[in-house]
Amino acid sequence: MTHRTWLTLATALLMFPQIAETLYSPALVDIGQGFGVTPAQAAQTLSLYFAAFAIGVLVWGRLCDLWGRRPTLLAGLLLYGLASLAALLVTSFSGLLAARMVAAFAAAVGSVVTQTALRDVHSGAELARVFSLIGVFLAISPAIGVLGGSLLTEALGYRGVLAAQLLLALALLLWSWRTMPETRPQVPHRASLIGTLRRMLGDRRVLLATLLVALFNIGVFSWYSLAPFIFQRLQLQSLFGYSGVLLALGSLLGARLNARLLARGVSQATLLNLACAVNLLAALAILLLGEHWLIAVAMAFMLGAFAMAIPLVLGSALVEYGDCRGTAGALFGLLYYGLIGAGLALAGWGQALGAVLCCCSVFIAAVSAFYR
């Protein structure tokens, strides 16, 4: 496999969980109406998704050290396809929740196995550049998901979204079957799960990175779980779907700025501080605007900050864990996705977008001051 082909597949696999989930966001209102549940209950499908995703990260990350990267990836994509098919066939909200949790568990394979494989192939400054490059493409994935989900929901209802998720999984399964390399070292390390966890829990840098990744994601996905209902109350539901283009533009500009400044030798600490400042200002703007369509403009700046910060943290958090990449990546993901699930559960219960974003931004600024 050529270097370019590998990065193309890796980028698609990392985009997969984001696209699959943001496809679902515009369908939340239709799901609430179709199953006769409240907005808070419908939004809980996102928080449960991340809780199951966290468990999946642990399982698939461990398996990719034991089985290898390629067979683990193929198994996860196959399970996602089966769960998506089940979601299409269920007739109760509890059945939908169960299918969504299995799908979330399976979708985690795209994140943890791909990140592990990237760390197998790249290291140091090269790894940071690769994450930054992929970050440019990840920036557009929420827009693809939100816009696609909006169009599918308008045309076919929430079942159209579930069908699209099934087709996406099948396409990636076929592509990975044909081109995914095995990057696991010839003599893999059999790292102890408990030993690695103890090592990571005693690592201040890993704990700070976990908080940063979790808080940034809670902010972003609170938008996707709460904003559809704000735009419904404004009678601007279609605008929410198209706002994904604006958010993608903000993400793309943030990712491009990040890559350019890294190439010019600007330190990662400086870039992270800049991202945190933009994130905080955008959150304050959303709080002050309240339920107004202009919150989408402020959210675009927040997505720009996200696109700057996340590649920096992901590329630097596990540099000392080359002897147990899969296991360490699994535990890292378990920690931050668990926090994301808990945070989104609170956000869904409170239904106060501006307050959630401000709380996350303040904590992000505080934690980043100690992350070096």
Protein backbone atom coordinates (compact mmCIF):
# COMPACT_ATOMS: atom_id res chain seq x y z
CA MET A 1 0.00 0.00 0.00
CA THR A 2 1.31 3.46 -0.89
CA HIS A 3 1.72 6.19 1.69
CA ARG A 4 -1.02 8.28 0.05
CA THR A 5 -3.47 5.37 -0.16
CA TRP A 6 -2.93 4.54 3.52
CA LEU A 7 -3.55 8.13 4.63
CA THR A 8 -6.70 8.31 2.48
CA LEU A 9 -8.12 5.19 4.11
CA ALA A 10 -7.04 6.32 7.59
CA THR A 11 -8.74 9.68 7.06
CA ALA A 12 -11.96 8.02 5.91
CA LEU A 13 -11.95 5.69 8.91
CA LEU A 14 -11.42 8.56 11.35
CA MET A 15 -14.18 10.56 9.64
CA PHE A 16 -16.56 7.60 9.88
CA PRO A 17 -17.61 7.92 13.56
CA GLN A 18 -18.12 11.69 13.20
CA ILE A 19 -20.15 11.44 9.99
CA ALA A 20 -22.18 8.50 11.28
CA GLU A 21 -23.12 10.38 14.43
CA THR A 22 -23.74 13.84 12.97
CA LEU A 23 -25.94 12.24 10.30
CA TYR A 24 -28.16 11.26 13.19
CA SER A 25 -28.39 14.70 14.81
CA PRO A 26 -30.94 16.29 12.42
CA ALA A 27 -33.14 13.22 12.85
CA LEU A 28 -33.56 13.73 16.62
CA VAL A 29 -36.73 15.80 16.24
CA ASP A 30 -38.25 13.23 13.86
CA ILE A 31 -37.26 10.42 16.23
CA GLY A 32 -38.91 12.22 19.14
CA GLN A 33 -42.10 12.64 17.14
CA GLY A 34 -42.02 9.14 15.65
CA PHE A 35 -41.58 7.35 18.96
CA GLY A 36 -43.55 9.83 21.09
CA VAL A 37 -40.67 10.76 23.40
CA THR A 38 -39.56 14.13 24.81
CA PRO A 39 -36.62 16.16 23.44
CA ALA A 40 -34.59 15.24 26.53
CA GLN A 41 -35.23 11.53 25.92
CA ALA A 42 -34.37 11.82 22.24
CA ALA A 43 -31.14 13.69 23.08
CA GLN A 44 -30.17 10.88 25.46
CA THR A 45 -29.55 8.67 22.43
CA LEU A 46 -26.39 10.74 21.88
CA SER A 47 -25.16 10.44 25.47
CA LEU A 48 -25.79 6.68 25.49
CA TYR A 49 -24.00 6.48 22.15
CA PHE A 50 -20.83 7.91 23.68
CA ALA A 51 -21.05 5.70 26.76
CA ALA A 52 -21.17 2.61 24.54
CA PHE A 53 -18.50 4.12 22.31
CA ALA A 54 -16.19 4.39 25.33
CA ILE A 55 -16.55 0.67 26.06
CA GLY A 56 -15.96 -0.10 22.39
CA VAL A 57 -12.74 1.90 22.39
CA LEU A 58 -11.41 -0.24 25.25
CA VAL A 59 -12.41 -3.55 23.68
CA TRP A 60 -11.28 -2.83 20.11
CA GLY A 61 -8.08 -1.18 21.26
CA ARG A 62 -7.17 -4.22 23.33
CA LEU A 63 -8.10 -6.59 20.51
CA CYS A 64 -5.97 -4.73 17.98
CA ASP A 65 -2.94 -5.56 20.14
CA LEU A 66 -4.04 -9.21 20.46
CA TRP A 67 -5.54 -9.95 17.03
CA GLY A 68 -3.85 -7.32 14.90
CA ARG A 69 -5.09 -4.04 13.43
CA ARG A 70 -6.68 -5.40 10.24
CA PRO A 71 -8.91 -8.23 11.60
CA THR A 72 -10.07 -6.04 14.48
CA LEU A 73 -11.11 -3.25 12.12
CA LEU A 74 -13.02 -5.60 9.83
CA ALA A 75 -14.87 -7.20 12.75
CA GLY A 76 -15.94 -3.80 14.10
CA LEU A 77 -17.20 -2.53 10.76
CA LEU A 78 -19.20 -5.73 10.22
CA LEU A 79 -20.82 -5.41 13.65
CA TYR A 80 -21.72 -1.76 12.94
CA GLY A 81 -23.46 -2.81 9.75
CA LEU A 82 -25.50 -5.45 11.58
CA ALA A 83 -26.47 -2.97 14.32
CA SER A 84 -27.55 -0.40 11.72
CA LEU A 85 -29.73 -3.05 10.08
CA ALA A 86 -31.29 -3.86 13.45
CA ALA A 87 -32.01 -0.14 14.08
CA LEU A 88 -33.89 -0.02 10.78
CA LEU A 89 -36.10 -2.94 11.79
CA VAL A 90 -37.02 -2.07 15.41
CA THR A 91 -40.42 -0.62 16.25
CA SER A 92 -39.87 0.60 19.83
CA PHE A 93 -37.74 3.40 21.27
CA SER A 94 -36.04 0.99 23.67
CA GLY A 95 -35.15 -1.23 20.71
CA LEU A 96 -33.71 1.76 18.90
CA LEU A 97 -31.62 2.65 21.95
CA ALA A 98 -30.27 -0.91 22.16
CA ALA A 99 -29.36 -0.98 18.47
CA ARG A 100 -27.74 2.44 18.71
CA MET A 101 -25.61 1.35 21.66
CA VAL A 102 -24.34 -1.70 19.75
CA ALA A 103 -23.63 0.54 16.76
CA ALA A 104 -21.71 2.95 18.98
CA PHE A 105 -19.69 0.09 20.47
CA ALA A 106 -18.80 -1.03 16.95
CA ALA A 107 -18.11 2.47 15.55
CA ALA A 108 -15.32 2.92 18.10
CA VAL A 109 -13.18 0.58 16.01
CA GLY A 110 -12.73 3.31 13.37
CA SER A 111 -11.23 5.68 15.92
CA VAL A 112 -9.01 3.55 18.13
CA VAL A 113 -7.64 1.11 15.54
CA THR A 114 -6.88 3.86 13.03
CA GLN A 115 -5.13 6.04 15.61
CA THR A 116 -3.11 3.03 16.75
CA ALA A 117 -2.12 2.19 13.17
CA LEU A 118 -1.08 5.80 12.57
CA ARG A 119 1.13 5.65 15.65
CA ASP A 120 2.60 2.40 14.31
CA VAL A 121 3.59 4.05 11.03
CA HIS A 122 4.45 7.61 12.14
CA SER A 123 6.09 9.18 15.17
CA GLY A 124 7.27 12.49 16.63
CA ALA A 125 6.87 15.63 14.55
CA GLU A 126 5.75 13.57 11.57
CA LEU A 127 2.83 12.17 13.60
CA ALA A 128 1.79 15.70 14.62
CA ARG A 129 1.83 16.78 10.97
CA VAL A 130 -0.22 13.73 9.95
CA PHE A 131 -2.85 14.43 12.61
CA SER A 132 -2.93 18.06 11.51
CA LEU A 133 -3.38 17.07 7.86
CA ILE A 134 -6.15 14.62 8.68
CA GLY A 135 -7.68 17.32 10.87
CA VAL A 136 -8.33 19.39 7.74
CA PHE A 137 -10.56 16.61 6.40
CA LEU A 138 -12.09 15.86 9.77
CA ALA A 139 -13.17 19.50 9.80
CA ILE A 140 -15.65 18.91 7.00
CA SER A 141 -17.07 15.65 8.34
CA PRO A 142 -19.62 17.30 10.70
CA ALA A 143 -20.91 19.38 7.80
CA ILE A 144 -21.26 16.30 5.62
CA GLY A 145 -23.12 14.54 8.41
CA VAL A 146 -25.42 17.40 9.42
CA LEU A 147 -26.28 18.45 5.88
CA GLY A 148 -26.70 14.87 4.70
CA GLY A 149 -28.77 13.98 7.75
CA SER A 150 -30.98 17.02 7.26
CA LEU A 151 -31.67 16.20 3.62
CA LEU A 152 -32.29 12.53 4.37
CA THR A 153 -34.62 13.35 7.26
CA GLU A 154 -36.64 15.76 5.14
CA ALA A 155 -36.95 13.22 2.33
CA LEU A 156 -37.20 9.89 4.14
CA GLY A 157 -37.45 10.55 7.88
CA TYR A 158 -35.10 9.09 10.45
CA ARG A 159 -35.11 5.69 8.71
CA GLY A 160 -33.35 7.31 5.75
CA VAL A 161 -30.54 8.32 8.11
CA LEU A 162 -30.29 4.79 9.52
CA ALA A 163 -30.14 3.36 5.99
CA ALA A 164 -27.33 5.78 5.10
CA GLN A 165 -25.37 4.65 8.16
CA LEU A 166 -25.74 1.03 7.04
CA LEU A 167 -24.51 1.82 3.52
CA LEU A 168 -21.57 3.82 4.91
CA ALA A 169 -20.48 0.87 7.06
CA LEU A 170 -20.70 -1.58 4.16
CA ALA A 171 -18.67 0.71 1.89
CA LEU A 172 -15.91 1.10 4.48
CA LEU A 173 -15.91 -2.64 5.20
CA LEU A 174 -15.31 -3.41 1.53
CA TRP A 175 -12.63 -0.72 1.18
CA SER A 176 -10.81 -1.87 4.31
CA TRP A 177 -11.03 -5.52 3.26
CA ARG A 178 -9.27 -4.68 0.02
CA THR A 179 -6.65 -2.18 1.21
CA MET A 180 -6.14 -2.08 5.01
CA PRO A 181 -2.55 -3.08 5.91
CA GLU A 182 -1.46 -4.90 9.05
CA THR A 183 0.74 -2.42 10.93
CA ARG A 184 1.15 -4.24 14.23
CA PRO A 185 4.83 -4.86 15.07
CA GLN A 186 6.15 -8.30 14.11
CA VAL A 187 6.79 -9.07 17.77
CA PRO A 188 3.90 -7.28 19.50
CA HIS A 189 4.12 -6.28 23.13
CA ARG A 190 1.70 -8.10 25.42
CA ALA A 191 1.06 -5.16 27.69
CA SER A 192 -0.91 -5.74 30.85
CA LEU A 193 -4.25 -3.93 30.75
CA ILE A 194 -4.26 -3.22 34.50
CA GLY A 195 -0.56 -2.32 34.51
CA THR A 196 -1.01 0.10 31.63
CA LEU A 197 -4.05 1.66 33.31
CA ARG A 198 -2.11 2.23 36.53
CA ARG A 199 0.72 3.75 34.55
CA MET A 200 -1.64 6.12 32.75
CA LEU A 201 -3.58 7.12 35.86
CA GLY A 202 -0.26 8.15 37.40
CA ASP A 203 0.69 10.17 34.33
CA ARG A 204 -0.32 13.81 34.84
CA ARG A 205 0.00 14.59 31.13
CA VAL A 206 -2.36 11.79 30.11
CA LEU A 207 -4.96 12.85 32.67
CA LEU A 208 -4.85 16.47 31.48
CA ALA A 209 -5.09 15.35 27.85
CA THR A 210 -8.11 13.20 28.75
CA LEU A 211 -9.89 16.20 30.27
CA LEU A 212 -9.09 18.43 27.31
CA VAL A 213 -10.33 15.98 24.68
CA ALA A 214 -13.47 15.23 26.70
CA LEU A 215 -14.37 18.87 27.38
CA PHE A 216 -13.85 19.99 23.78
CA ASN A 217 -16.05 17.13 22.55
CA ILE A 218 -18.77 17.73 25.15
CA GLY A 219 -19.02 21.30 23.89
CA VAL A 220 -19.20 20.32 20.22
CA PHE A 221 -21.63 17.43 20.62
CA SER A 222 -23.85 19.40 22.99
CA TRP A 223 -24.50 21.55 19.94
CA TYR A 224 -25.52 18.53 17.89
CA SER A 225 -27.83 17.21 20.61
CA LEU A 226 -29.45 20.48 21.75
CA ALA A 227 -29.34 22.87 18.78
CA PRO A 228 -31.89 20.93 16.63
CA PHE A 229 -34.57 21.69 19.22
CA ILE A 230 -33.54 25.36 19.44
CA PHE A 231 -33.93 25.72 15.67
CA GLN A 232 -37.25 23.86 15.88
CA ARG A 233 -38.53 26.43 18.39
CA LEU A 234 -37.30 29.17 16.05
CA GLN A 235 -39.16 27.41 13.20
CA LEU A 236 -35.86 27.24 11.31
CA GLN A 237 -35.29 23.49 11.24
CA SER A 238 -33.95 23.47 7.69
CA LEU A 239 -31.44 26.18 8.62
CA PHE A 240 -29.89 23.84 11.19
CA GLY A 241 -28.92 21.39 8.47
CA TYR A 242 -27.41 24.08 6.27
CA SER A 243 -25.62 25.62 9.25
CA GLY A 244 -23.36 22.59 9.06
CA VAL A 245 -21.67 24.21 6.07
CA LEU A 246 -20.85 27.26 8.18
CA LEU A 247 -19.54 25.07 10.98
CA ALA A 248 -17.41 23.12 8.53
CA LEU A 249 -15.93 26.35 7.21
CA GLY A 250 -14.96 27.34 10.74
CA SER A 251 -13.43 23.91 11.34
CA LEU A 252 -11.58 23.98 8.05
CA LEU A 253 -10.12 27.42 8.71
CA GLY A 254 -9.03 26.35 12.18
CA ALA A 255 -7.38 23.20 10.86
CA ARG A 256 -5.62 25.08 8.06
CA LEU A 257 -4.41 27.77 10.46
CA ASN A 258 -3.13 25.07 12.77
CA ALA A 259 -1.20 23.32 9.98
CA ARG A 260 0.28 26.59 8.69
CA LEU A 261 1.43 27.81 12.09
CA LEU A 262 2.94 24.41 12.92
CA ALA A 263 4.89 24.55 9.65
CA ARG A 264 6.22 27.97 10.66
CA GLY A 265 7.51 26.62 13.95
CA VAL A 266 4.89 28.04 16.31
CA SER A 267 4.88 25.97 19.49
CA GLN A 268 2.05 23.58 20.25
CA ALA A 269 1.52 25.27 23.62
CA THR A 270 0.96 28.64 21.92
CA LEU A 271 -1.52 27.13 19.45
CA LEU A 272 -3.41 25.41 22.25
CA ASN A 273 -3.68 28.66 24.20
CA LEU A 274 -5.00 30.43 21.10
CA ALA A 275 -7.61 27.70 20.55
CA CYS A 276 -8.75 27.93 24.18
CA ALA A 277 -9.15 31.71 23.97
CA VAL A 278 -11.27 31.49 20.79
CA ASN A 279 -13.32 28.69 22.33
CA LEU A 280 -14.11 30.74 25.44
CA LEU A 281 -15.10 33.87 23.51
CA ALA A 282 -17.38 31.86 21.21
CA ALA A 283 -19.09 30.19 24.19
CA LEU A 284 -19.74 33.56 25.83
CA ALA A 285 -21.26 34.83 22.58
CA ILE A 286 -23.64 31.85 22.41
CA LEU A 287 -24.67 32.39 26.03
CA LEU A 288 -25.41 36.07 25.39
CA LEU A 289 -27.27 35.45 22.11
CA GLY A 290 -29.62 32.90 23.66
CA GLU A 291 -32.03 31.29 21.20
CA HIS A 292 -31.07 33.19 18.06
CA TRP A 293 -29.95 31.81 14.70
CA LEU A 294 -26.69 33.77 15.00
CA ILE A 295 -25.48 31.22 17.54
CA ALA A 296 -24.48 29.15 14.48
CA VAL A 297 -21.92 31.84 13.58
CA ALA A 298 -20.42 31.76 17.07
CA MET A 299 -20.41 27.96 16.96
CA ALA A 300 -18.34 28.08 13.77
CA PHE A 301 -15.58 29.80 15.76
CA MET A 302 -15.88 27.11 18.43
CA LEU A 303 -15.46 24.42 15.77
CA GLY A 304 -12.39 26.27 14.52
CA ALA A 305 -10.90 26.12 18.02
CA PHE A 306 -11.77 22.42 18.23
CA ALA A 307 -10.01 21.73 14.92
CA MET A 308 -6.91 23.47 16.21
CA ALA A 309 -6.74 21.86 19.64
CA ILE A 310 -7.71 18.22 19.16
CA PRO A 311 -4.90 17.20 16.72
CA LEU A 312 -2.35 18.79 19.07
CA VAL A 313 -3.59 16.84 22.08
CA LEU A 314 -4.11 13.52 20.29
CA GLY A 315 -0.68 13.73 18.68
CA SER A 316 1.15 14.42 21.94
CA ALA A 317 -0.75 12.59 24.68
CA LEU A 318 0.70 9.07 24.26
CA VAL A 319 4.27 9.68 23.08
CA GLU A 320 5.63 7.69 26.04
CA TYR A 321 3.51 4.60 25.33
CA GLY A 322 5.13 3.19 22.21
CA ASP A 323 5.48 -0.20 23.92
CA CYS A 324 1.68 -0.62 24.26
CA ARG A 325 0.05 1.62 21.64
CA GLY A 326 -3.17 -0.32 21.21
CA THR A 327 -3.81 -0.86 24.90
CA ALA A 328 -2.84 2.69 25.85
CA GLY A 329 -4.97 4.12 23.05
CA ALA A 330 -7.90 1.98 24.19
CA LEU A 331 -7.64 3.13 27.78
CA PHE A 332 -7.14 6.75 26.73
CA GLY A 333 -10.29 6.56 24.62
CA LEU A 334 -12.22 4.82 27.38
CA LEU A 335 -11.38 7.61 29.79
CA TYR A 336 -12.31 10.53 27.58
CA TYR A 337 -15.33 8.94 25.88
CA GLY A 338 -16.67 7.96 29.29
CA LEU A 339 -16.44 11.59 30.34
CA ILE A 340 -18.07 12.69 27.08
CA GLY A 341 -21.01 10.35 27.66
CA ALA A 342 -21.50 11.62 31.21
CA GLY A 343 -21.19 15.25 30.10
CA LEU A 344 -23.72 14.83 27.30
CA ALA A 345 -26.15 13.12 29.68
CA LEU A 346 -26.02 16.21 31.91
CA ALA A 347 -26.33 18.51 28.88
CA GLY A 348 -29.36 16.61 27.61
CA TRP A 349 -30.98 16.77 31.02
CA GLY A 350 -30.37 20.49 31.44
CA GLN A 351 -31.26 21.58 27.88
CA ALA A 352 -29.21 24.81 28.33
CA LEU A 353 -26.73 25.04 25.47
CA GLY A 354 -25.08 28.35 26.35
CA ALA A 355 -24.47 27.36 29.97
CA VAL A 356 -22.99 24.00 28.97
CA LEU A 357 -20.61 25.58 26.45
CA CYS A 358 -19.45 28.24 28.89
CA CYS A 359 -18.77 25.70 31.64
CA CYS A 360 -16.79 23.53 29.24
CA SER A 361 -14.79 26.49 27.92
CA VAL A 362 -13.84 27.75 31.37
CA PHE A 363 -12.64 24.29 32.42
CA ILE A 364 -10.75 23.91 29.13
CA ALA A 365 -8.89 27.18 29.70
CA ALA A 366 -7.99 26.12 33.24
CA VAL A 367 -6.77 22.63 32.27
CA SER A 368 -4.78 23.80 29.23
CA ALA A 369 -2.72 26.12 31.44
CA PHE A 370 -1.12 23.01 32.98
CA TYR A 371 -0.79 20.92 29.78
CA ARG A 372 2.76 21.15 28.44
